[in-house]
Amino acid sequence: MISPILQRVELLLSQSRFPEAKELLQTHLAENPEDFFAQFYLATIQLQLGEKQIARQMTEKLLLEEPEAYPVMALAVDVELADEKLDKAEDL
């Protein structure tokens, strides 16, 4: 079951309220730094906000933890495509 924090984040994302979702996740991660799903959502938001380098770093970290996590692999591809690194995106 998804936590109430992540439910709130999903609602904010559905409304394109990225800065608010980012702030909520940062607060949550300060207290729960190992929350994989919160880290994934934060990386997704950072990409949406144009923070590609931070999104890339977070995605690389998440892939080290869960190399077979399809949503993280898809996010990694999106990060590379956003940065116009087509060859790297294809390699993922």
Protein backbone atom coordinates (compact mmCIF):
# COMPACT_ATOMS: atom_id res chain seq x y z
CA MET A 1 0.00 0.00 0.00
CA ILE A 2 1.24 3.47 -0.87
CA SER A 3 2.00 5.81 2.01
CA PRO A 4 -0.10 8.93 2.63
CA ILE A 5 2.91 11.11 1.74
CA LEU A 6 3.29 9.46 -1.64
CA GLN A 7 -0.46 9.67 -2.23
CA ARG A 8 -0.21 13.41 -1.63
CA VAL A 9 2.78 13.61 -3.98
CA GLU A 10 0.84 11.78 -6.69
CA LEU A 11 -2.02 14.25 -6.30
CA LEU A 12 0.36 17.21 -6.58
CA LEU A 13 1.99 15.66 -9.65
CA SER A 14 -1.38 15.13 -11.31
CA GLN A 15 -1.95 18.87 -10.86
CA SER A 16 1.56 19.75 -12.16
CA ARG A 17 2.41 21.26 -8.79
CA PHE A 18 6.02 20.13 -9.01
CA PRO A 19 7.67 22.60 -6.60
CA GLU A 20 5.20 21.68 -3.85
CA ALA A 21 5.70 17.97 -4.46
CA LYS A 22 9.47 18.44 -4.42
CA GLU A 23 9.34 20.26 -1.10
CA LEU A 24 7.11 17.58 0.43
CA LEU A 25 9.45 14.82 -0.74
CA GLN A 26 12.57 16.60 0.48
CA THR A 27 11.02 16.95 3.93
CA HIS A 28 9.96 13.30 3.89
CA LEU A 29 13.40 12.10 2.72
CA ALA A 30 15.14 14.11 5.45
CA GLU A 31 13.39 11.81 7.92
CA ASN A 32 13.28 8.69 5.69
CA PRO A 33 16.39 8.83 3.48
CA GLU A 34 16.11 5.20 2.34
CA ASP A 35 12.57 5.51 0.93
CA PHE A 36 13.15 4.19 -2.60
CA PHE A 37 9.80 5.31 -3.98
CA ALA A 38 10.16 8.82 -2.58
CA GLN A 39 13.61 9.04 -4.17
CA PHE A 40 12.13 7.89 -7.48
CA TYR A 41 9.37 10.49 -7.34
CA LEU A 42 11.89 13.19 -6.45
CA ALA A 43 14.10 12.27 -9.42
CA THR A 44 11.01 12.39 -11.65
CA ILE A 45 10.11 15.85 -10.37
CA GLN A 46 13.64 17.11 -10.79
CA LEU A 47 13.53 16.08 -14.42
CA GLN A 48 10.19 17.88 -14.84
CA LEU A 49 11.76 21.01 -13.31
CA GLY A 50 14.72 20.85 -15.70
CA GLU A 51 17.18 19.71 -13.03
CA LYS A 52 18.58 17.06 -15.35
CA GLN A 53 21.97 16.54 -13.68
CA ILE A 54 20.42 15.95 -10.26
CA ALA A 55 17.78 13.66 -11.80
CA ARG A 56 20.56 11.71 -13.54
CA GLN A 57 22.55 11.30 -10.32
CA MET A 58 19.51 10.11 -8.40
CA THR A 59 18.48 7.74 -11.17
CA GLU A 60 21.96 6.22 -11.33
CA LYS A 61 21.86 5.67 -7.56
CA LEU A 62 18.42 4.06 -7.77
CA LEU A 63 19.56 1.74 -10.57
CA LEU A 64 22.47 0.59 -8.43
CA GLU A 65 19.98 -0.34 -5.71
CA GLU A 66 17.39 -1.92 -8.03
CA PRO A 67 18.93 -2.60 -11.45
CA GLU A 68 15.80 -4.35 -12.75
CA ALA A 69 13.29 -1.67 -11.69
CA TYR A 70 11.56 -0.87 -14.97
CA PRO A 71 10.15 2.55 -13.90
CA VAL A 72 13.66 3.65 -12.91
CA MET A 73 15.11 2.41 -16.21
CA ALA A 74 12.39 4.31 -18.07
CA LEU A 75 13.19 7.44 -16.07
CA ALA A 76 16.89 7.03 -16.87
CA VAL A 77 16.01 6.94 -20.57
CA ASP A 78 13.84 10.05 -20.18
CA VAL A 79 16.72 11.88 -18.47
CA GLU A 80 19.09 11.07 -21.32
CA LEU A 81 16.52 12.01 -23.97
CA ALA A 82 15.86 15.32 -22.20
CA ASP A 83 19.59 15.99 -22.39
CA GLU A 84 19.62 14.93 -26.08
CA LYS A 85 21.97 12.03 -25.35
CA LEU A 86 20.30 9.61 -27.74
CA ASP A 87 23.16 7.08 -27.83
CA LYS A 88 23.21 6.79 -24.06
CA ALA A 89 19.42 6.48 -23.95
CA GLU A 90 19.55 3.64 -26.47
CA ASP A 91 22.19 1.84 -24.39
CA LEU A 92 19.91 1.75 -21.38
